[in-house]
Amino acid sequence: MWETDPEDFSARFGILGRAVFLFRCTGEHLQARCDGGRDVEENVVAACHYCNWTRHRTKRPKDAVSYKKHVRLRMKQGRWHRNCAEAEPGGNIAFLSCSHQ
């Protein structure tokens, strides 16, 4: 993810045009504010704009634990967005751009 320099991030990972903005760092509320979630450290994690937006697009967003499982499964299948992660030897996932941990 990037916070202040999309050009550097774009050059480093080869992401061109507006696609780089999908990887902008956002604050993701584990419990949504509309559901009583507060702006406190324990309830806010870093997430790329794409993941933050995607999680909340549905009528019934997954809870944080379920969403983490969903993301990891899709990444293992190679079906998550580009540069989010790559497999390490042994099958572990190295998070390159997103903080879904």
N, C-alpha and C. Protein backbone atom coordinates (compact mmCIF):
# COMPACT_ATOMS: atom_id res chain seq x y z
N MET A 1 0.84 -1.18 0.00
CA MET A 1 0.00 0.00 0.00
C MET A 1 0.88 1.24 0.00
N TRP A 2 0.31 2.32 -0.42
CA TRP A 2 1.02 3.60 -0.36
C TRP A 2 0.14 4.60 0.37
N GLU A 3 0.81 5.57 1.00
CA GLU A 3 0.07 6.59 1.74
C GLU A 3 0.28 7.98 1.15
N THR A 4 1.50 8.27 0.71
CA THR A 4 1.79 9.63 0.26
C THR A 4 2.39 9.74 -1.14
N ASP A 5 2.88 8.65 -1.70
CA ASP A 5 3.59 8.75 -2.98
C ASP A 5 3.13 7.69 -3.98
N PRO A 6 2.04 7.94 -4.69
CA PRO A 6 1.58 6.94 -5.65
C PRO A 6 2.56 6.71 -6.80
N GLU A 7 3.34 7.72 -7.17
CA GLU A 7 4.28 7.56 -8.28
C GLU A 7 5.36 6.55 -7.93
N ASP A 8 5.92 6.63 -6.73
CA ASP A 8 6.94 5.69 -6.29
C ASP A 8 6.38 4.27 -6.24
N PHE A 9 5.19 4.13 -5.69
CA PHE A 9 4.54 2.83 -5.59
C PHE A 9 4.29 2.26 -6.99
N SER A 10 3.81 3.11 -7.89
CA SER A 10 3.54 2.71 -9.27
C SER A 10 4.80 2.18 -9.95
N ALA A 11 5.88 2.91 -9.79
CA ALA A 11 7.14 2.51 -10.41
C ALA A 11 7.68 1.22 -9.80
N ARG A 12 7.57 1.10 -8.48
CA ARG A 12 8.11 -0.07 -7.78
C ARG A 12 7.39 -1.36 -8.16
N PHE A 13 6.05 -1.29 -8.31
CA PHE A 13 5.27 -2.49 -8.56
C PHE A 13 4.74 -2.59 -9.99
N GLY A 14 5.04 -1.60 -10.84
CA GLY A 14 4.62 -1.65 -12.23
C GLY A 14 3.13 -1.50 -12.43
N ILE A 15 2.48 -0.76 -11.56
CA ILE A 15 1.04 -0.54 -11.67
C ILE A 15 0.83 0.81 -12.33
N LEU A 16 0.11 0.82 -13.44
CA LEU A 16 -0.01 2.02 -14.25
C LEU A 16 -1.37 2.69 -14.11
N GLY A 17 -1.40 3.98 -14.41
CA GLY A 17 -2.64 4.73 -14.47
C GLY A 17 -3.38 4.79 -13.15
N ARG A 18 -4.69 4.83 -13.28
CA ARG A 18 -5.54 4.97 -12.10
C ARG A 18 -5.55 3.74 -11.21
N ALA A 19 -5.09 2.61 -11.73
CA ALA A 19 -5.08 1.38 -10.93
C ALA A 19 -4.28 1.54 -9.64
N VAL A 20 -3.29 2.43 -9.64
CA VAL A 20 -2.47 2.63 -8.44
C VAL A 20 -3.32 3.12 -7.27
N PHE A 21 -4.42 3.80 -7.55
CA PHE A 21 -5.25 4.32 -6.46
C PHE A 21 -6.05 3.24 -5.75
N LEU A 22 -6.14 2.05 -6.34
CA LEU A 22 -6.77 0.94 -5.64
C LEU A 22 -5.94 0.51 -4.43
N PHE A 23 -4.66 0.85 -4.45
CA PHE A 23 -3.74 0.41 -3.39
C PHE A 23 -3.45 1.50 -2.35
N ARG A 24 -4.21 2.60 -2.39
CA ARG A 24 -4.00 3.66 -1.40
C ARG A 24 -4.40 3.16 -0.02
N CYS A 25 -3.60 3.48 0.98
CA CYS A 25 -3.85 3.06 2.35
C CYS A 25 -5.08 3.78 2.91
N THR A 26 -6.01 3.00 3.44
CA THR A 26 -7.19 3.56 4.10
C THR A 26 -7.32 2.94 5.48
N GLY A 27 -8.13 3.54 6.31
CA GLY A 27 -8.44 2.98 7.62
C GLY A 27 -9.72 2.16 7.52
N GLU A 28 -9.63 0.88 7.81
CA GLU A 28 -10.77 -0.03 7.75
C GLU A 28 -11.27 -0.29 9.17
N HIS A 29 -12.55 -0.02 9.40
CA HIS A 29 -13.15 -0.31 10.70
C HIS A 29 -13.56 -1.77 10.75
N LEU A 30 -13.05 -2.52 11.73
CA LEU A 30 -13.41 -3.92 11.86
C LEU A 30 -14.89 -4.06 12.17
N GLN A 31 -15.39 -3.24 13.08
CA GLN A 31 -16.82 -3.13 13.32
C GLN A 31 -17.22 -1.78 12.75
N ALA A 32 -18.07 -1.78 11.74
CA ALA A 32 -18.45 -0.55 11.05
C ALA A 32 -19.01 0.49 12.02
N ARG A 33 -18.75 1.75 11.71
CA ARG A 33 -19.27 2.83 12.54
C ARG A 33 -20.79 2.80 12.60
N CYS A 34 -21.44 2.45 11.50
CA CYS A 34 -22.90 2.39 11.50
C CYS A 34 -23.43 1.27 12.40
N ASP A 35 -22.56 0.33 12.77
CA ASP A 35 -22.94 -0.75 13.68
C ASP A 35 -22.41 -0.53 15.09
N GLY A 36 -22.00 0.69 15.37
CA GLY A 36 -21.51 1.03 16.71
C GLY A 36 -20.00 0.99 16.86
N GLY A 37 -19.28 0.70 15.78
CA GLY A 37 -17.82 0.68 15.84
C GLY A 37 -17.26 2.06 16.08
N ARG A 38 -16.21 2.12 16.85
CA ARG A 38 -15.62 3.41 17.21
C ARG A 38 -14.29 3.62 16.50
N ASP A 39 -13.86 4.87 16.47
CA ASP A 39 -12.56 5.23 15.90
C ASP A 39 -11.48 5.07 16.96
N VAL A 40 -11.21 3.83 17.32
CA VAL A 40 -10.18 3.52 18.31
C VAL A 40 -9.20 2.53 17.70
N GLU A 41 -8.00 2.50 18.23
CA GLU A 41 -6.93 1.67 17.68
C GLU A 41 -7.33 0.21 17.50
N GLU A 42 -8.06 -0.34 18.45
CA GLU A 42 -8.43 -1.75 18.39
C GLU A 42 -9.45 -2.05 17.29
N ASN A 43 -10.10 -1.01 16.75
CA ASN A 43 -11.15 -1.22 15.76
C ASN A 43 -10.76 -0.77 14.35
N VAL A 44 -9.59 -0.20 14.17
CA VAL A 44 -9.19 0.31 12.87
C VAL A 44 -7.88 -0.35 12.44
N VAL A 45 -7.88 -0.88 11.21
CA VAL A 45 -6.68 -1.49 10.65
C VAL A 45 -6.40 -0.87 9.29
N ALA A 46 -5.17 -1.00 8.82
CA ALA A 46 -4.82 -0.52 7.49
C ALA A 46 -5.33 -1.50 6.45
N ALA A 47 -5.90 -0.97 5.38
CA ALA A 47 -6.35 -1.79 4.26
C ALA A 47 -6.26 -0.94 3.00
N CYS A 48 -5.97 -1.58 1.90
CA CYS A 48 -5.94 -0.82 0.65
C CYS A 48 -7.37 -0.39 0.31
N HIS A 49 -7.46 0.65 -0.50
CA HIS A 49 -8.77 1.19 -0.88
C HIS A 49 -9.64 0.11 -1.51
N TYR A 50 -9.06 -0.71 -2.36
CA TYR A 50 -9.81 -1.77 -3.04
C TYR A 50 -10.47 -2.71 -2.03
N CYS A 51 -9.71 -3.18 -1.07
CA CYS A 51 -10.24 -4.13 -0.10
C CYS A 51 -11.28 -3.48 0.81
N ASN A 52 -11.02 -2.26 1.23
CA ASN A 52 -11.96 -1.54 2.08
C ASN A 52 -13.28 -1.36 1.34
N TRP A 53 -13.21 -0.91 0.11
CA TRP A 53 -14.41 -0.67 -0.70
C TRP A 53 -15.13 -1.98 -1.01
N THR A 54 -14.39 -3.02 -1.38
CA THR A 54 -14.99 -4.30 -1.75
C THR A 54 -15.72 -4.94 -0.58
N ARG A 55 -15.15 -4.88 0.60
CA ARG A 55 -15.76 -5.50 1.76
C ARG A 55 -17.13 -4.89 2.05
N HIS A 56 -17.30 -3.62 1.81
CA HIS A 56 -18.54 -2.95 2.18
C HIS A 56 -19.53 -2.80 1.03
N ARG A 57 -19.24 -3.37 -0.13
CA ARG A 57 -20.14 -3.27 -1.29
C ARG A 57 -21.39 -4.13 -1.13
N THR A 58 -21.30 -5.19 -0.40
CA THR A 58 -22.41 -6.12 -0.30
C THR A 58 -23.42 -5.65 0.75
N LYS A 59 -24.63 -6.19 0.67
CA LYS A 59 -25.66 -5.84 1.65
C LYS A 59 -25.30 -6.33 3.03
N ARG A 60 -24.59 -7.46 3.08
CA ARG A 60 -24.17 -8.05 4.36
C ARG A 60 -22.66 -8.26 4.34
N PRO A 61 -21.89 -7.23 4.68
CA PRO A 61 -20.43 -7.41 4.66
C PRO A 61 -19.99 -8.48 5.65
N LYS A 62 -18.95 -9.19 5.27
CA LYS A 62 -18.39 -10.21 6.17
C LYS A 62 -17.75 -9.54 7.37
N ASP A 63 -17.77 -10.24 8.50
CA ASP A 63 -17.03 -9.73 9.66
C ASP A 63 -15.55 -9.85 9.36
N ALA A 64 -14.73 -9.21 10.19
CA ALA A 64 -13.28 -9.12 9.92
C ALA A 64 -12.62 -10.49 9.78
N VAL A 65 -12.95 -11.43 10.65
CA VAL A 65 -12.33 -12.76 10.60
C VAL A 65 -12.73 -13.50 9.33
N SER A 66 -14.00 -13.46 8.98
CA SER A 66 -14.48 -14.12 7.76
C SER A 66 -13.88 -13.48 6.52
N TYR A 67 -13.76 -12.17 6.52
CA TYR A 67 -13.21 -11.48 5.36
C TYR A 67 -11.73 -11.84 5.18
N LYS A 68 -11.01 -11.94 6.28
CA LYS A 68 -9.60 -12.33 6.22
C LYS A 68 -9.47 -13.72 5.57
N LYS A 69 -10.32 -14.65 5.96
CA LYS A 69 -10.30 -15.99 5.37
C LYS A 69 -10.63 -15.93 3.88
N HIS A 70 -11.62 -15.12 3.54
CA HIS A 70 -12.02 -14.95 2.14
C HIS A 70 -10.85 -14.42 1.30
N VAL A 71 -10.18 -13.39 1.80
CA VAL A 71 -9.05 -12.80 1.08
C VAL A 71 -7.93 -13.82 0.90
N ARG A 72 -7.58 -14.52 1.96
CA ARG A 72 -6.48 -15.50 1.88
C ARG A 72 -6.81 -16.63 0.90
N LEU A 73 -8.04 -17.11 0.91
CA LEU A 73 -8.43 -18.17 -0.01
C LEU A 73 -8.34 -17.68 -1.45
N ARG A 74 -8.87 -16.50 -1.73
CA ARG A 74 -8.82 -15.96 -3.10
C ARG A 74 -7.38 -15.73 -3.54
N MET A 75 -6.52 -15.30 -2.63
CA MET A 75 -5.12 -15.08 -2.99
C MET A 75 -4.43 -16.39 -3.31
N LYS A 76 -4.69 -17.42 -2.53
CA LYS A 76 -4.09 -18.73 -2.82
C LYS A 76 -4.53 -19.26 -4.17
N GLN A 77 -5.74 -18.91 -4.57
CA GLN A 77 -6.27 -19.34 -5.86
C GLN A 77 -5.81 -18.43 -6.99
N GLY A 78 -5.08 -17.37 -6.65
CA GLY A 78 -4.64 -16.41 -7.65
C GLY A 78 -5.76 -15.55 -8.17
N ARG A 79 -6.78 -15.35 -7.36
CA ARG A 79 -7.96 -14.62 -7.80
C ARG A 79 -8.18 -13.32 -7.02
N TRP A 80 -7.15 -12.78 -6.41
CA TRP A 80 -7.27 -11.51 -5.73
C TRP A 80 -6.59 -10.46 -6.59
N HIS A 81 -6.67 -9.22 -6.23
CA HIS A 81 -6.12 -8.20 -7.12
C HIS A 81 -4.60 -8.23 -7.14
N ARG A 82 -4.05 -7.77 -8.24
CA ARG A 82 -2.62 -7.84 -8.56
C ARG A 82 -1.75 -7.19 -7.49
N ASN A 83 -0.61 -7.80 -7.23
CA ASN A 83 0.40 -7.31 -6.30
C ASN A 83 -0.03 -7.31 -4.85
N CYS A 84 -1.18 -7.88 -4.53
CA CYS A 84 -1.60 -7.90 -3.15
C CYS A 84 -0.72 -8.86 -2.36
N ALA A 85 -0.41 -9.97 -2.95
CA ALA A 85 0.42 -10.93 -2.24
C ALA A 85 1.08 -11.87 -3.23
N GLU A 86 2.11 -12.51 -2.76
CA GLU A 86 2.70 -13.57 -3.58
C GLU A 86 3.05 -14.71 -2.66
N ALA A 87 3.04 -15.89 -3.20
CA ALA A 87 3.33 -17.07 -2.40
C ALA A 87 4.82 -17.15 -2.11
N GLU A 88 5.13 -17.52 -0.91
CA GLU A 88 6.52 -17.77 -0.50
C GLU A 88 6.75 -19.27 -0.55
N PRO A 89 8.01 -19.71 -0.55
CA PRO A 89 8.27 -21.14 -0.45
C PRO A 89 7.58 -21.70 0.79
N GLY A 90 6.97 -22.85 0.65
CA GLY A 90 6.25 -23.45 1.77
C GLY A 90 4.78 -23.10 1.79
N GLY A 91 4.33 -22.29 0.83
CA GLY A 91 2.91 -21.97 0.74
C GLY A 91 2.44 -20.79 1.57
N ASN A 92 3.34 -20.16 2.31
CA ASN A 92 2.93 -18.98 3.08
C ASN A 92 2.70 -17.81 2.14
N ILE A 93 1.93 -16.86 2.60
CA ILE A 93 1.63 -15.69 1.78
C ILE A 93 2.42 -14.50 2.29
N ALA A 94 3.12 -13.83 1.40
CA ALA A 94 3.84 -12.61 1.74
C ALA A 94 2.99 -11.43 1.28
N PHE A 95 2.54 -10.64 2.21
CA PHE A 95 1.71 -9.49 1.87
C PHE A 95 2.61 -8.36 1.40
N LEU A 96 2.50 -8.04 0.13
CA LEU A 96 3.35 -7.02 -0.45
C LEU A 96 2.74 -5.63 -0.34
N SER A 97 1.45 -5.53 -0.56
CA SER A 97 0.83 -4.23 -0.67
C SER A 97 -0.33 -4.03 0.28
N CYS A 98 -0.89 -5.08 0.80
CA CYS A 98 -2.09 -4.96 1.62
C CYS A 98 -1.84 -5.47 3.03
N SER A 99 -2.55 -4.93 3.97
CA SER A 99 -2.42 -5.35 5.37
C SER A 99 -3.66 -6.10 5.80
N HIS A 100 -3.81 -7.33 5.33
CA HIS A 100 -4.98 -8.13 5.68
C HIS A 100 -4.64 -9.10 6.80
N GLN A 101 -3.69 -8.78 7.60
CA GLN A 101 -3.23 -9.75 8.59
C GLN A 101 -3.95 -9.60 9.90
